[in-house]
Protein backbone atom coordinates (compact mmCIF):
# COMPACT_ATOMS: atom_id res chain seq x y z
CA UNK A 1 -27.82 -6.46 2.54
CA UNK A 2 -27.60 -8.74 5.53
CA UNK A 3 -29.11 -7.92 8.91
CA UNK A 4 -25.59 -7.44 10.36
CA UNK A 5 -24.69 -4.98 7.60
CA UNK A 6 -27.92 -3.08 8.22
CA UNK A 7 -27.21 -2.80 11.94
CA UNK A 8 -23.62 -1.64 11.42
CA UNK A 9 -24.68 0.97 8.85
CA UNK A 10 -27.53 2.16 11.11
CA UNK A 11 -25.24 2.75 14.08
CA UNK A 12 -22.54 4.35 11.93
CA UNK A 13 -25.05 6.73 10.35
CA UNK A 14 -26.66 7.48 13.71
CA UNK A 15 -23.45 9.09 14.94
CA UNK A 16 -22.83 11.12 11.77
CA UNK A 17 -23.83 14.68 11.05
CA UNK A 18 -23.42 16.80 7.96
CA UNK A 19 -20.38 19.01 7.73
CA UNK A 20 -21.11 22.71 7.76
CA UNK A 21 -18.37 25.37 7.60
CA UNK A 22 -20.62 27.55 9.76
CA UNK A 23 -20.45 24.96 12.55
CA UNK A 24 -16.77 24.13 13.13
CA UNK A 25 -16.04 20.78 14.74
CA UNK A 26 -14.22 20.39 18.05
CA UNK A 27 -11.90 17.57 16.97
CA UNK A 28 -9.93 17.35 20.24
CA UNK A 29 -13.24 16.84 22.07
CA UNK A 30 -14.28 14.18 19.52
CA UNK A 31 -11.00 12.30 20.06
CA UNK A 32 -11.37 12.54 23.85
CA UNK A 33 -14.93 11.22 23.60
CA UNK A 34 -13.83 8.32 21.41
CA UNK A 35 -11.07 7.32 23.82
CA UNK A 36 -13.57 7.51 26.69
CA UNK A 37 -16.07 5.35 24.78
CA UNK A 38 -13.39 2.76 24.01
CA UNK A 39 -11.90 2.52 27.50
CA UNK A 40 -13.67 -0.77 28.16
CA UNK A 41 -12.53 -2.46 24.94
CA UNK A 42 -10.85 -5.75 25.78
CA UNK A 43 -7.97 -7.23 23.88
CA UNK A 44 -7.69 -11.02 23.57
CA UNK A 45 -6.35 -12.92 26.58
CA UNK A 46 -2.58 -13.43 26.75
CA UNK A 47 -1.89 -10.44 24.48
CA UNK A 48 0.41 -7.98 26.25
CA UNK A 49 0.62 -4.27 25.41
CA UNK A 50 4.15 -2.89 25.54
CA UNK A 51 4.73 0.83 25.05
CA UNK A 52 7.86 1.32 22.97
CA UNK A 53 9.55 3.56 20.41
CA UNK A 54 10.07 2.60 16.75
CA UNK A 55 12.48 4.82 14.84
CA UNK A 56 11.97 7.63 17.34
CA UNK A 57 8.17 7.32 17.11
CA UNK A 58 6.06 6.32 20.16
CA UNK A 59 4.28 3.01 19.49
CA UNK A 60 2.49 0.09 21.11
CA UNK A 61 3.62 -3.47 20.59
CA UNK A 62 0.91 -6.08 21.10
CA UNK A 63 2.58 -9.41 21.76
CA UNK A 64 1.20 -12.91 22.16
CA UNK A 65 3.52 -15.43 23.87
CA UNK A 66 3.09 -18.04 21.09
CA UNK A 67 4.08 -15.66 18.25
CA UNK A 68 7.58 -15.55 16.79
CA UNK A 69 9.45 -12.48 18.03
CA UNK A 70 11.02 -11.77 14.63
CA UNK A 71 7.65 -11.11 12.94
CA UNK A 72 5.84 -7.84 13.54
CA UNK A 73 2.89 -6.43 11.58
CA UNK A 74 2.95 -2.64 11.45
CA UNK A 75 -0.59 -1.27 11.75
CA UNK A 76 -1.16 2.33 10.70
CA UNK A 77 -4.54 4.00 11.09
CA UNK A 78 -4.98 7.65 10.16
CA UNK A 79 -6.50 8.88 13.38
CA UNK A 80 -6.71 12.43 12.11
CA UNK A 81 -10.18 12.97 13.54
CA UNK A 82 -11.02 9.73 15.31
CA UNK A 83 -9.29 6.39 15.57
CA UNK A 84 -5.98 5.89 17.31
CA UNK A 85 -3.67 3.18 18.58
CA UNK A 86 -5.69 2.86 21.78
CA UNK A 87 -9.10 2.73 20.09
CA UNK A 88 -7.96 0.03 17.64
CA UNK A 89 -6.49 -2.33 20.25
CA UNK A 90 -9.23 -4.90 19.71
CA UNK A 91 -8.19 -5.20 16.04
CA UNK A 92 -4.43 -5.18 16.62
CA UNK A 93 -4.97 -7.63 19.48
CA UNK A 94 -6.88 -9.85 17.05
CA UNK A 95 -3.93 -9.73 14.63
CA UNK A 96 -1.62 -10.76 17.47
CA UNK A 97 -3.85 -13.54 18.82
CA UNK A 98 -5.49 -15.02 15.70
CA UNK A 99 -3.16 -14.30 12.78
CA UNK A 100 0.08 -15.22 14.53
CA UNK A 101 1.78 -11.81 14.33
CA UNK A 102 2.77 -9.38 16.99
CA UNK A 103 1.39 -5.95 16.02
CA UNK A 104 3.12 -2.60 16.34
CA UNK A 105 1.07 0.55 15.90
CA UNK A 106 2.90 3.88 15.88
CA UNK A 107 1.24 7.01 17.10
CA UNK A 108 2.77 9.06 14.26
CA UNK A 109 5.14 8.24 11.41
CA UNK A 110 6.08 8.20 7.76
CA UNK A 111 6.77 5.42 5.27
CA UNK A 112 10.48 5.91 4.64
CA UNK A 113 12.24 2.58 5.07
CA UNK A 114 8.99 0.71 5.73
CA UNK A 115 8.45 -2.82 4.44
CA UNK A 116 5.84 -3.47 1.72
CA UNK A 117 2.54 -1.74 2.46
CA UNK A 118 -1.00 -3.11 2.04
CA UNK A 119 -3.86 -0.61 2.15
CA UNK A 120 -7.53 -1.44 2.74
CA UNK A 121 -10.50 0.78 1.94
CA UNK A 122 -14.21 0.53 1.28
CA UNK A 123 -15.48 1.77 -2.08
CA UNK A 124 -18.22 3.62 -0.20
CA UNK A 125 -16.20 5.51 2.42
CA UNK A 126 -14.97 9.09 2.46
CA UNK A 127 -11.32 8.04 2.88
CA UNK A 128 -11.24 5.85 -0.24
CA UNK A 129 -9.65 8.63 -2.30
CA UNK A 130 -6.96 9.18 0.35
CA UNK A 131 -6.06 5.50 0.03
CA UNK A 132 -5.90 5.79 -3.76
CA UNK A 133 -3.66 8.87 -3.53
CA UNK A 134 -1.31 7.15 -1.07
CA UNK A 135 -1.26 4.02 -3.25
CA UNK A 136 -0.26 6.09 -6.31
CA UNK A 137 2.45 7.97 -4.36
CA UNK A 138 3.92 4.73 -3.01
CA UNK A 139 3.94 3.19 -6.50
CA UNK A 140 5.61 6.29 -8.00
CA UNK A 141 8.26 6.10 -5.29
CA UNK A 142 8.90 2.46 -6.22
CA UNK A 143 7.61 1.22 -2.87
CA UNK A 144 5.97 -2.25 -3.03
CA UNK A 145 2.31 -1.77 -2.16
CA UNK A 146 -1.15 -3.21 -2.68
CA UNK A 147 -4.53 -1.56 -2.36
CA UNK A 148 -7.52 -3.75 -1.50
CA UNK A 149 -11.00 -2.32 -2.05
CA UNK A 150 -14.32 -3.80 -0.88
CA UNK A 151 -17.64 -2.48 -2.19
CA UNK A 152 -20.46 -1.55 0.19
CA UNK A 153 -18.53 -1.74 3.48
CA UNK A 154 -18.20 0.77 6.29
CA UNK A 155 -14.84 2.35 7.07
CA UNK A 156 -12.55 -0.20 8.76
CA UNK A 157 -14.97 -3.09 8.28
CA UNK A 158 -12.03 -5.37 9.04
CA UNK A 159 -12.23 -4.46 12.72
CA UNK A 160 -15.80 -5.80 12.93
CA UNK A 161 -15.34 -9.58 12.84
CA UNK A 162 -19.11 -10.23 12.97
CA UNK A 163 -19.31 -9.07 9.33
CA UNK A 164 -18.78 -12.13 7.07
CA UNK A 165 -16.68 -10.16 4.57
CA UNK A 166 -14.37 -9.07 7.39
CA UNK A 167 -13.70 -12.68 8.36
CA UNK A 168 -12.92 -13.56 4.73
CA UNK A 169 -10.78 -10.48 4.20
CA UNK A 170 -8.76 -11.13 7.36
CA UNK A 171 -7.50 -14.28 5.61
CA UNK A 172 -6.15 -12.01 2.87
CA UNK A 173 -4.57 -9.81 5.54
CA UNK A 174 -2.75 -12.89 6.87
CA UNK A 175 -1.61 -13.83 3.36
CA UNK A 176 -0.23 -10.29 2.89
CA UNK A 177 1.61 -10.44 6.19
CA UNK A 178 3.07 -13.86 5.37
CA UNK A 179 4.24 -12.68 1.93
CA UNK A 180 5.74 -9.46 3.35
CA UNK A 181 7.67 -11.41 6.00
CA UNK A 182 8.84 -14.00 3.45
CA UNK A 183 9.96 -11.24 1.08
CA UNK A 184 7.58 -12.39 -1.65
CA UNK A 185 5.00 -9.59 -1.51
CA UNK A 186 5.08 -7.72 -4.81
CA UNK A 187 3.34 -4.48 -5.56
CA UNK A 188 0.31 -4.33 -7.84
CA UNK A 189 -0.18 -1.77 -10.60
CA UNK A 190 -3.89 -1.37 -9.84
CA UNK A 191 -6.25 -1.79 -6.91
CA UNK A 192 -7.50 -5.30 -6.08
CA UNK A 193 -11.27 -5.54 -5.76
CA UNK A 194 -11.98 -8.11 -3.07
CA UNK A 195 -15.29 -9.15 -4.64
CA UNK A 196 -13.28 -10.36 -7.64
CA UNK A 197 -10.48 -11.69 -5.45
CA UNK A 198 -12.52 -14.11 -3.29
CA UNK A 199 -16.15 -13.06 -3.32
């Protein structure tokens, strides 16, 4: 494990505690604390945040002036306990500034009428099974989707560009976005393991 991986895992574990039904969690307070901690996060220069509504759902559109206006990447992050549109602005801003796509991130929503969906999960995170369940439901509904799995990563490793695997995997994100926009993204019957995909 690289030094960077060790540091990321250390700080992730440092903030974790064991779940105990005898000690209920104050999730609204956790979300408030996360928003407060992320208030100084900077998005890339020239990326503008526009509050909008997509299909009746409040959303943010992150737009870079050099990006085509007819291409938008829809970013969905659970946010059930922590994580929200506002706390993921650095990542969606990165998509807008580096990958050439404006990014829209709804606050709430469902997948009816959505374009092809690509899911990303670590093999070692608690939400891996949720991603597998959603992948199976989308496939059963005939919705084009792909599930990318990476072994040994923290949850949302893609938002930490100092991790080498994140930089490699962001190239796959761009390929997915390009294929979805071009109408060539096809669903996969099984999950794609990124170690086998490109190392």
